[in-house]
């Protein structure tokens, strides 16, 4: 066997990450060579790169561990990676028109999205604490930069700075928790940690799990580590806000499931209490704090906090059905979020973007299809059948009830009712308030994203079987 033949089996599972990394470097070279004229070419190149990587991911099979056990390519990783790549590609489609109009169309932006995506893919496939941290930091460093991408805007700069400072703090907490886990188990490998914890858990392990949970809760924007979310969502350029609400959320949830189910399955009683508290607090704050919001981006920030709480109900169950529910929830959440932001990015008159709830007044009379699609997203986020959001909540609530967490499921239902108020308020404004002057025509990229998202949300109940089966297979890989 030649050296190349011996290396290939180890590299094949990591091929999507390698392709994205090499592609990002080539795009940097092209951008440096062509200068600002390269923006359109780099955007197209990044989009093609993400689509090609998506097909690489879905074409992989089996359950393979490589790089001395640090990296795993299993059905769970493939499903979450596919969602991450869809979210990143949709962000580039949503961004082009916005950045051109704002005169900040620079070639670095799609490259940063690609680099952020590499980190997220590593997070989904991490099989030890070191690879997990490396993926997390690669994703975070690129995210800090794109939050402040509008350099001349004070809010954008402030958003990037807040995100960076609080993100550094959370990374330190995660690293400290990881070091405690390593100190008390003698290994950073998830299977090794499982073997080492096959007995009574010490105080040091419990403390390590608490700090790890704090670190991942920040990345999820879950209570009580949510404080950065509304300001960063409002201050960042709108396509960046759409990105933060989609792909990184999926990656953070994949990382959270991978850590707790993969490394600590025998101490479920320890971390289950943390997840239940975080879930209840996130659902409650996301539902009540959004009621007084007038800015749609801030409203979506609190909505994302609440949705993370609902998704964590599935993880709290600690079962195969619970993880299946989490995966289904994240698929539908991704569609709802991208669809809502596609509409938001279309609210423009001449050179002015609108972001307040009042700007939607009478949208049904000036842009009926736009209003219909946004109404579908809001009804779905509220969990009203037969839209996809109802089924997302149904699967996580059912898993919680089966695991004996009836109180958690009841709290989820009650907060859903409260949250329905501010979702339905947007529908009321669009359909019953006095119409304003019409907005400009929806950009092509936003139209594509909105069309696909609306189809998923509205028509999911007709063909749920493929997604449920894929989620079931992915969840089974972790147990």
Protein backbone atom coordinates (compact mmCIF):
# COMPACT_ATOMS: atom_id res chain seq x y z
CA UNK A 1 0.00 0.00 0.00
CA UNK A 2 1.40 3.40 -1.00
CA UNK A 3 1.49 6.32 1.50
CA UNK A 4 -1.32 8.05 -0.46
CA UNK A 5 -3.54 4.93 -0.29
CA UNK A 6 -2.97 4.66 3.46
CA UNK A 7 -3.91 8.32 4.01
CA UNK A 8 -7.05 8.38 1.82
CA UNK A 9 -9.34 6.39 4.19
CA UNK A 10 -8.50 8.83 7.01
CA UNK A 11 -9.11 11.91 4.83
CA UNK A 12 -12.32 10.83 3.08
CA UNK A 13 -14.68 11.50 6.04
CA UNK A 14 -13.14 15.01 6.39
CA UNK A 15 -13.38 15.73 2.65
CA UNK A 16 -16.24 18.31 2.93
CA UNK A 17 -14.25 20.37 5.45
CA UNK A 18 -11.07 20.11 3.34
CA UNK A 19 -12.90 21.17 0.17
CA UNK A 20 -14.45 24.18 1.92
CA UNK A 21 -11.12 25.22 3.48
CA UNK A 22 -9.16 24.96 0.21
CA UNK A 23 -11.99 26.70 -1.63
CA UNK A 24 -11.94 29.58 0.87
CA UNK A 25 -8.19 30.02 0.36
CA UNK A 26 -8.63 30.08 -3.42
CA UNK A 27 -11.38 32.68 -3.08
CA UNK A 28 -9.08 34.81 -0.92
CA UNK A 29 -6.40 34.67 -3.62
CA UNK A 30 -8.91 35.55 -6.33
CA UNK A 31 -10.27 38.43 -4.26
CA UNK A 32 -6.78 39.77 -3.54
CA UNK A 33 -5.89 39.57 -7.24
CA UNK A 34 -9.04 41.21 -8.60
CA UNK A 35 -9.65 43.63 -5.73
CA UNK A 36 -13.12 45.09 -5.18
CA UNK A 37 -14.14 44.04 -8.71
CA UNK A 38 -14.05 40.43 -7.52
CA UNK A 39 -17.10 40.71 -5.24
CA UNK A 40 -19.62 39.17 -7.62
CA UNK A 41 -17.26 36.37 -8.66
CA UNK A 42 -16.43 35.52 -5.04
CA UNK A 43 -20.14 35.44 -4.12
CA UNK A 44 -20.89 33.04 -6.98
CA UNK A 45 -17.81 30.96 -6.17
CA UNK A 46 -18.76 30.70 -2.48
CA UNK A 47 -22.31 29.66 -3.38
CA UNK A 48 -21.07 26.96 -5.79
CA UNK A 49 -18.58 25.78 -3.16
CA UNK A 50 -21.30 25.41 -0.52
CA UNK A 51 -23.62 23.58 -2.92
CA UNK A 52 -20.83 21.21 -4.01
CA UNK A 53 -19.94 20.52 -0.36
CA UNK A 54 -23.62 19.82 0.36
CA UNK A 55 -23.62 17.05 -2.27
CA UNK A 56 -20.35 15.70 -0.85
CA UNK A 57 -21.93 15.48 2.60
CA UNK A 58 -25.16 13.76 1.51
CA UNK A 59 -23.22 11.29 -0.64
CA UNK A 60 -21.26 9.98 2.36
CA UNK A 61 -22.39 6.76 4.02
CA UNK A 62 -21.69 4.73 7.13
CA UNK A 63 -20.43 5.63 10.57
CA UNK A 64 -16.71 6.39 10.41
CA UNK A 65 -14.32 7.75 13.02
CA UNK A 66 -10.98 9.22 11.92
CA UNK A 67 -8.10 11.49 12.98
CA UNK A 68 -7.37 9.33 16.05
CA UNK A 69 -11.00 9.40 17.08
CA UNK A 70 -11.30 13.20 17.07
CA UNK A 71 -13.69 13.35 14.11
CA UNK A 72 -16.79 11.29 13.38
CA UNK A 73 -18.86 11.11 10.20
CA UNK A 74 -22.19 9.50 11.09
CA UNK A 75 -25.83 10.00 10.00
CA UNK A 76 -26.39 12.60 12.73
CA UNK A 77 -23.44 14.69 11.54
CA UNK A 78 -24.54 14.42 7.91
CA UNK A 79 -28.08 15.67 8.58
CA UNK A 80 -26.88 18.60 10.68
CA UNK A 81 -24.13 19.48 8.18
CA UNK A 82 -26.65 19.47 5.34
CA UNK A 83 -28.79 21.95 7.30
CA UNK A 84 -25.77 24.14 8.08
CA UNK A 85 -24.76 24.27 4.41
CA UNK A 86 -28.32 25.11 3.34
CA UNK A 87 -28.42 27.94 5.89
CA UNK A 88 -25.06 29.34 4.75
CA UNK A 89 -25.96 29.15 1.05
CA UNK A 90 -29.31 30.84 1.70
CA UNK A 91 -27.51 33.63 3.58
CA UNK A 92 -25.33 34.41 0.56
CA UNK A 93 -28.43 34.51 -1.64
CA UNK A 94 -30.11 36.91 0.80
CA UNK A 95 -27.05 39.13 1.19
CA UNK A 96 -26.13 40.18 -2.34
CA UNK A 97 -28.79 42.82 -3.01
CA UNK A 98 -28.59 44.25 0.53
CA UNK A 99 -24.83 44.79 0.49
CA UNK A 100 -24.89 46.33 -2.98
CA UNK A 101 -27.54 48.86 -1.93
CA UNK A 102 -25.72 49.65 1.32
CA UNK A 103 -22.46 50.11 -0.64
CA UNK A 104 -20.58 47.64 1.55
CA UNK A 105 -20.32 44.90 -1.07
CA UNK A 106 -16.84 43.55 -0.34
CA UNK A 107 -15.42 40.18 -1.36
CA UNK A 108 -14.41 39.26 2.21
CA UNK A 109 -18.01 38.66 3.33
CA UNK A 110 -18.78 35.38 1.47
CA UNK A 111 -15.30 34.09 2.39
CA UNK A 112 -16.03 34.72 6.07
CA UNK A 113 -19.34 32.85 5.68
CA UNK A 114 -17.45 29.89 4.17
CA UNK A 115 -14.84 29.90 6.97
CA UNK A 116 -17.61 30.14 9.56
CA UNK A 117 -19.26 27.14 7.86
CA UNK A 118 -16.04 25.09 8.10
CA UNK A 119 -16.05 25.64 11.85
CA UNK A 120 -19.71 24.66 12.10
CA UNK A 121 -19.14 21.44 10.16
CA UNK A 122 -16.31 20.52 12.55
CA UNK A 123 -18.63 21.23 15.51
CA UNK A 124 -21.20 18.79 14.12
CA UNK A 125 -18.59 16.02 13.69
CA UNK A 126 -16.47 16.65 16.79
CA UNK A 127 -15.80 13.48 18.77
CA UNK A 128 -13.52 14.93 21.42
CA UNK A 129 -13.26 18.15 23.41
CA UNK A 130 -10.30 19.56 21.44
CA UNK A 131 -11.86 19.22 17.97
CA UNK A 132 -15.09 20.62 19.42
CA UNK A 133 -13.27 23.71 20.71
CA UNK A 134 -11.34 24.21 17.47
CA UNK A 135 -14.54 24.12 15.41
CA UNK A 136 -16.30 26.44 17.83
CA UNK A 137 -13.52 29.03 17.76
CA UNK A 138 -13.21 28.98 13.96
CA UNK A 139 -16.94 29.60 13.69
CA UNK A 140 -16.93 32.28 16.38
CA UNK A 141 -13.97 34.30 15.08
CA UNK A 142 -15.54 34.62 11.63
CA UNK A 143 -18.93 35.46 13.22
CA UNK A 144 -17.43 38.32 15.28
CA UNK A 145 -16.09 39.91 12.09
CA UNK A 146 -19.28 39.67 10.03
CA UNK A 147 -21.33 41.11 12.92
CA UNK A 148 -19.25 44.29 12.59
CA UNK A 149 -19.01 44.10 8.79
CA UNK A 150 -20.70 47.48 8.26
CA UNK A 151 -17.67 49.36 9.56
CA UNK A 152 -19.18 52.84 9.21
CA UNK A 153 -22.30 51.97 11.18
CA UNK A 154 -22.05 52.50 14.95
CA UNK A 155 -24.65 49.83 15.75
CA UNK A 156 -22.85 47.22 13.66
CA UNK A 157 -19.49 47.99 15.27
CA UNK A 158 -21.09 47.85 18.71
CA UNK A 159 -22.73 44.51 17.87
CA UNK A 160 -19.39 43.01 16.81
CA UNK A 161 -17.66 44.26 19.96
CA UNK A 162 -20.38 42.97 22.30
CA UNK A 163 -20.41 39.62 20.55
CA UNK A 164 -16.61 39.35 20.74
CA UNK A 165 -16.30 40.24 24.44
CA UNK A 166 -19.13 38.00 25.63
CA UNK A 167 -18.11 35.25 23.20
CA UNK A 168 -14.57 35.25 24.60
CA UNK A 169 -16.01 34.91 28.11
CA UNK A 170 -18.19 31.96 27.10
CA UNK A 171 -15.29 30.26 25.30
CA UNK A 172 -13.25 30.56 28.49
CA UNK A 173 -16.04 28.95 30.51
CA UNK A 174 -16.35 26.11 28.01
CA UNK A 175 -12.59 25.56 28.02
CA UNK A 176 -12.47 25.57 31.81
CA UNK A 177 -15.28 23.01 31.94
CA UNK A 178 -13.49 20.87 29.35
CA UNK A 179 -10.26 21.02 31.38
CA UNK A 180 -12.12 19.85 34.51
CA UNK A 181 -13.66 16.96 32.58
CA UNK A 182 -10.23 16.03 31.25
CA UNK A 183 -8.67 16.31 34.71
CA UNK A 184 -11.17 13.94 36.30
CA UNK A 185 -11.44 11.43 33.44
CA UNK A 186 -7.91 11.52 31.98
CA UNK A 187 -9.18 11.77 28.39
CA UNK A 188 -10.70 14.30 25.97
CA UNK A 189 -12.30 11.64 23.74
CA UNK A 190 -16.09 11.32 24.08
CA UNK A 191 -16.02 7.46 24.07
CA UNK A 192 -13.15 7.62 26.59
CA UNK A 193 -15.15 9.95 28.84
CA UNK A 194 -18.11 7.52 28.68
CA UNK A 195 -15.82 4.67 29.82
CA UNK A 196 -14.24 6.76 32.60
CA UNK A 197 -17.64 7.86 33.96
CA UNK A 198 -18.94 4.31 34.29
CA UNK A 199 -19.46 4.79 38.01
CA UNK A 200 -20.42 7.43 40.62
CA UNK A 201 -19.78 10.97 39.35
CA UNK A 202 -17.53 13.20 41.47
CA UNK A 203 -18.10 16.87 42.31
CA UNK A 204 -15.36 17.83 39.85
CA UNK A 205 -17.17 16.13 36.95
CA UNK A 206 -20.45 17.82 37.89
CA UNK A 207 -18.69 21.19 37.99
CA UNK A 208 -17.06 20.47 34.62
CA UNK A 209 -20.45 19.61 33.09
CA UNK A 210 -21.92 22.86 34.50
CA UNK A 211 -19.20 24.98 32.88
CA UNK A 212 -19.47 23.10 29.57
CA UNK A 213 -23.24 23.64 29.66
CA UNK A 214 -22.69 27.37 30.28
CA UNK A 215 -20.39 27.57 27.25
CA UNK A 216 -22.78 25.81 24.89
CA UNK A 217 -25.77 27.76 26.25
CA UNK A 218 -24.08 30.99 25.13
CA UNK A 219 -23.64 29.68 21.61
CA UNK A 220 -27.30 28.63 21.61
CA UNK A 221 -28.33 32.05 22.99
CA UNK A 222 -30.20 30.23 25.76
CA UNK A 223 -31.14 31.84 29.08
CA UNK A 224 -29.25 32.92 31.21
CA UNK A 225 -26.55 33.45 28.54
CA UNK A 226 -28.81 35.19 26.04
CA UNK A 227 -27.91 38.80 26.86
CA UNK A 228 -25.95 39.41 23.65
CA UNK A 229 -28.66 38.25 21.28
CA UNK A 230 -31.10 41.21 20.95
CA UNK A 231 -28.34 43.82 20.57
CA UNK A 232 -26.28 41.76 18.12
CA UNK A 233 -29.36 40.86 16.05
CA UNK A 234 -30.45 44.51 15.88
CA UNK A 235 -27.00 46.00 15.22
CA UNK A 236 -25.69 43.53 12.65
CA UNK A 237 -26.51 43.97 8.95
CA UNK A 238 -29.86 42.23 8.33
CA UNK A 239 -28.44 39.34 6.20
CA UNK A 240 -25.92 38.68 8.98
CA UNK A 241 -28.79 38.58 11.49
CA UNK A 242 -30.51 36.04 9.23
CA UNK A 243 -27.30 34.00 9.25
CA UNK A 244 -26.95 34.12 13.05
CA UNK A 245 -30.55 32.96 13.40
CA UNK A 246 -30.11 29.97 11.09
CA UNK A 247 -26.90 28.00 10.43
CA UNK A 248 -24.98 28.78 13.68
CA UNK A 249 -28.07 27.84 15.69
CA UNK A 250 -28.16 24.44 13.98
CA UNK A 251 -24.42 23.96 14.59
CA UNK A 252 -24.71 24.95 18.25
CA UNK A 253 -27.60 22.52 18.74
CA UNK A 254 -25.62 19.76 16.99
CA UNK A 255 -22.66 20.46 19.28
CA UNK A 256 -24.90 20.43 22.38
CA UNK A 257 -26.51 17.11 21.46
CA UNK A 258 -23.12 15.63 20.54
CA UNK A 259 -21.57 16.64 23.88
CA UNK A 260 -24.33 15.54 26.25
CA UNK A 261 -25.53 12.43 24.44
CA UNK A 262 -22.08 11.44 23.14
CA UNK A 263 -19.89 12.12 26.20
CA UNK A 264 -22.22 12.03 29.22
CA UNK A 265 -24.95 9.42 28.56
CA UNK A 266 -24.35 7.68 31.90
CA UNK A 267 -24.76 10.88 33.96
CA UNK A 268 -28.00 12.04 32.31
CA UNK A 269 -29.50 12.82 35.71
CA UNK A 270 -26.77 15.44 36.27
CA UNK A 271 -27.11 17.42 33.03
CA UNK A 272 -30.83 16.81 32.54
CA UNK A 273 -31.61 19.20 35.42
CA UNK A 274 -29.49 21.92 33.76
CA UNK A 275 -31.16 21.44 30.37
CA UNK A 276 -34.66 21.48 31.90
CA UNK A 277 -33.93 24.77 33.71
CA UNK A 278 -32.37 26.38 30.63
CA UNK A 279 -35.27 25.19 28.47
CA UNK A 280 -37.98 26.57 30.78
CA UNK A 281 -36.15 29.88 31.30
CA UNK A 282 -35.57 30.31 27.54
CA UNK A 283 -39.18 29.55 26.63
CA UNK A 284 -40.49 31.93 29.29
CA UNK A 285 -38.17 34.83 28.49
CA UNK A 286 -38.53 34.37 24.74
CA UNK A 287 -42.33 34.47 25.04
CA UNK A 288 -42.76 37.38 27.47
CA UNK A 289 -39.83 39.66 26.51
CA UNK A 290 -40.85 39.76 22.83
CA UNK A 291 -44.29 41.20 23.62
CA UNK A 292 -43.01 44.77 24.04
CA UNK A 293 -40.68 44.76 21.02
CA UNK A 294 -41.28 47.09 18.07
CA UNK A 295 -38.16 46.27 16.07
CA UNK A 296 -38.68 43.07 14.04
CA UNK A 297 -35.02 42.04 14.37
CA UNK A 298 -35.19 42.28 18.17
CA UNK A 299 -38.48 40.40 18.10
CA UNK A 300 -36.84 37.65 16.05
CA UNK A 301 -33.97 37.59 18.56
CA UNK A 302 -36.34 36.83 21.43
CA UNK A 303 -38.21 34.40 19.19
CA UNK A 304 -34.94 32.53 18.57
CA UNK A 305 -34.30 32.35 22.33
CA UNK A 306 -37.76 30.83 22.83
CA UNK A 307 -37.29 28.38 19.96
CA UNK A 308 -34.00 27.17 21.43
CA UNK A 309 -35.93 26.45 24.63
CA UNK A 310 -38.45 24.32 22.72
CA UNK A 311 -35.69 22.42 20.91
CA UNK A 312 -33.94 21.72 24.22
CA UNK A 313 -37.08 19.92 25.45
CA UNK A 314 -36.11 17.07 23.11
CA UNK A 315 -32.56 16.98 24.47
CA UNK A 316 -33.84 17.03 28.07
CA UNK A 317 -35.72 13.80 27.33
CA UNK A 318 -32.29 12.17 26.80
CA UNK A 319 -33.79 9.57 24.48
CA UNK A 320 -33.64 8.59 20.83
CA UNK A 321 -37.13 10.04 20.30
CA UNK A 322 -35.99 13.28 21.93
CA UNK A 323 -32.98 13.68 19.62
CA UNK A 324 -35.21 12.89 16.64
CA UNK A 325 -37.51 15.67 17.80
CA UNK A 326 -34.57 18.09 18.09
CA UNK A 327 -33.47 17.36 14.51
CA UNK A 328 -36.99 17.80 13.10
CA UNK A 329 -37.38 21.01 15.10
CA UNK A 330 -34.13 22.47 13.75
CA UNK A 331 -35.05 21.64 10.13
CA UNK A 332 -38.39 23.44 10.44
CA UNK A 333 -36.92 26.30 12.50
CA UNK A 334 -34.32 26.88 9.77
CA UNK A 335 -37.07 27.19 7.13
CA UNK A 336 -39.19 29.52 9.28
CA UNK A 337 -36.29 31.81 10.17
CA UNK A 338 -34.91 32.12 6.64
CA UNK A 339 -38.42 32.74 5.29
CA UNK A 340 -39.11 35.50 7.82
CA UNK A 341 -35.81 37.25 7.10
CA UNK A 342 -36.34 36.95 3.33
CA UNK A 343 -39.47 39.07 3.82
CA UNK A 344 -37.69 41.47 6.14
CA UNK A 345 -34.96 42.03 3.55
CA UNK A 346 -37.64 43.00 1.03
CA UNK A 347 -39.03 45.88 3.10
CA UNK A 348 -37.32 48.71 1.22
CA UNK A 349 -38.49 51.98 -0.30
CA UNK A 350 -35.82 53.65 -2.45
CA UNK A 351 -32.67 53.53 -0.31
CA UNK A 352 -34.31 53.00 3.07
CA UNK A 353 -34.71 49.66 4.84
CA UNK A 354 -37.58 49.22 7.29
CA UNK A 355 -37.39 47.07 10.40
CA UNK A 356 -40.32 48.02 12.67
CA UNK A 357 -43.63 46.19 13.04
CA UNK A 358 -45.54 49.32 11.93
CA UNK A 359 -43.77 49.19 8.57
CA UNK A 360 -45.78 46.04 7.78
CA UNK A 361 -49.06 47.99 7.93
CA UNK A 362 -51.43 46.91 5.18
CA UNK A 363 -48.83 44.72 3.48
CA UNK A 364 -51.59 42.33 2.36
CA UNK A 365 -53.04 45.04 0.09
CA UNK A 366 -49.78 46.19 -1.49
CA UNK A 367 -47.89 42.83 -1.59
CA UNK A 368 -50.44 40.02 -1.00
CA UNK A 369 -48.07 37.09 -1.66
CA UNK A 370 -45.37 38.58 0.57
CA UNK A 371 -47.93 39.05 3.33
CA UNK A 372 -49.23 35.49 2.87
CA UNK A 373 -45.73 34.01 3.15
CA UNK A 374 -44.86 36.03 6.26
CA UNK A 375 -48.23 35.15 7.81
CA UNK A 376 -47.48 31.47 7.18
CA UNK A 377 -44.11 31.87 8.94
CA UNK A 378 -45.73 33.61 11.93
CA UNK A 379 -48.55 31.05 12.25
CA UNK A 380 -45.94 28.29 12.01
CA UNK A 381 -43.72 29.88 14.67
CA UNK A 382 -46.81 30.11 16.87
CA UNK A 383 -47.32 26.35 16.41
CA UNK A 384 -50.69 26.48 14.67
CA UNK A 385 -51.67 23.35 12.67
CA UNK A 386 -51.38 22.18 9.97
CA UNK A 387 -48.22 24.24 9.41
CA UNK A 388 -44.76 22.75 10.01
CA UNK A 389 -44.17 24.58 13.31
CA UNK A 390 -46.99 22.61 14.95
CA UNK A 391 -45.31 19.30 14.11
CA UNK A 392 -41.91 20.60 15.29
CA UNK A 393 -43.34 21.23 18.74
CA UNK A 394 -45.43 18.06 18.69
CA UNK A 395 -42.38 15.80 18.32
CA UNK A 396 -40.38 17.40 21.16
CA UNK A 397 -43.41 17.55 23.48
CA UNK A 398 -44.23 13.89 22.77
CA UNK A 399 -40.63 12.85 23.55
CA UNK A 400 -40.71 14.80 26.84
CA UNK A 401 -44.00 13.21 27.92
CA UNK A 402 -42.67 9.74 27.06
CA UNK A 403 -39.58 10.46 29.20
CA UNK A 404 -41.77 11.51 32.15
CA UNK A 405 -41.09 15.26 31.79
CA UNK A 406 -44.78 16.18 31.72
CA UNK A 407 -44.29 19.50 33.55
CA UNK A 408 -41.71 20.61 30.99
CA UNK A 409 -44.11 19.81 28.14
CA UNK A 410 -46.94 21.71 29.88
CA UNK A 411 -44.71 24.77 30.33
CA UNK A 412 -43.86 24.52 26.63
CA UNK A 413 -47.56 24.53 25.67
CA UNK A 414 -48.33 27.50 27.96
CA UNK A 415 -45.41 29.60 26.67
CA UNK A 416 -46.44 28.73 23.10
CA UNK A 417 -49.82 30.32 23.79
CA UNK A 418 -48.15 33.45 25.18
CA UNK A 419 -45.74 33.61 22.22
CA UNK A 420 -48.64 33.35 19.79
CA UNK A 421 -49.66 36.87 20.82
CA UNK A 422 -46.72 38.67 19.25
CA UNK A 423 -46.62 36.43 16.18
CA UNK A 424 -50.30 37.03 15.48
CA UNK A 425 -49.86 40.76 16.11
CA UNK A 426 -47.69 40.92 12.98
CA UNK A 427 -50.45 39.19 11.01
CA UNK A 428 -53.01 41.67 12.36
CA UNK A 429 -50.82 44.63 11.32
CA UNK A 430 -50.40 43.22 7.79
CA UNK A 431 -54.06 42.40 7.20
CA UNK A 432 -56.07 44.91 9.22
CA UNK A 433 -54.03 48.13 9.55
CA UNK A 434 -54.06 51.01 7.09
CA UNK A 435 -51.87 50.35 4.04
CA UNK A 436 -48.70 52.36 3.45
CA UNK A 437 -46.89 53.07 0.20
CA UNK A 438 -45.79 49.82 -1.55
CA UNK A 439 -42.28 48.49 -1.15
CA UNK A 440 -39.86 47.79 -3.95
CA UNK A 441 -39.90 44.48 -5.77
CA UNK A 442 -38.45 41.53 -3.83
CA UNK A 443 -34.82 40.75 -4.84
CA UNK A 444 -34.30 37.46 -6.76
CA UNK A 445 -32.19 35.86 -4.01
CA UNK A 446 -34.79 36.64 -1.35
CA UNK A 447 -37.56 35.36 -3.65
CA UNK A 448 -35.82 31.98 -4.03
CA UNK A 449 -35.25 31.58 -0.28
CA UNK A 450 -38.79 32.71 0.55
CA UNK A 451 -40.35 30.36 -2.02
CA UNK A 452 -38.50 27.28 -0.76
CA UNK A 453 -39.05 28.16 2.92
CA UNK A 454 -42.77 28.76 2.37
CA UNK A 455 -43.12 25.43 0.56
CA UNK A 456 -41.48 23.59 3.48
CA UNK A 457 -43.60 25.36 6.10
CA UNK A 458 -46.96 25.10 4.30
CA UNK A 459 -46.63 21.68 2.66
CA UNK A 460 -44.69 19.73 5.30
CA UNK A 461 -47.84 17.99 6.61
CA UNK A 462 -48.41 16.39 3.19
CA UNK A 463 -45.06 14.51 3.09
CA UNK A 464 -43.54 14.38 6.59
CA UNK A 465 -42.24 10.80 6.26
CA UNK A 466 -38.84 11.49 4.54
CA UNK A 467 -37.77 14.03 7.17
CA UNK A 468 -39.04 11.95 10.09
CA UNK A 469 -37.23 8.86 8.74
CA UNK A 470 -33.96 10.76 8.16
CA UNK A 471 -34.17 12.30 11.65
CA UNK A 472 -34.85 8.86 13.14
CA UNK A 473 -31.79 7.35 11.44
CA UNK A 474 -29.63 10.28 12.57
CA UNK A 475 -30.82 9.98 16.17
CA UNK A 476 -30.27 6.21 16.18
CA UNK A 477 -26.57 6.78 15.36
CA UNK A 478 -26.05 8.41 18.77
CA UNK A 479 -27.50 5.53 20.82
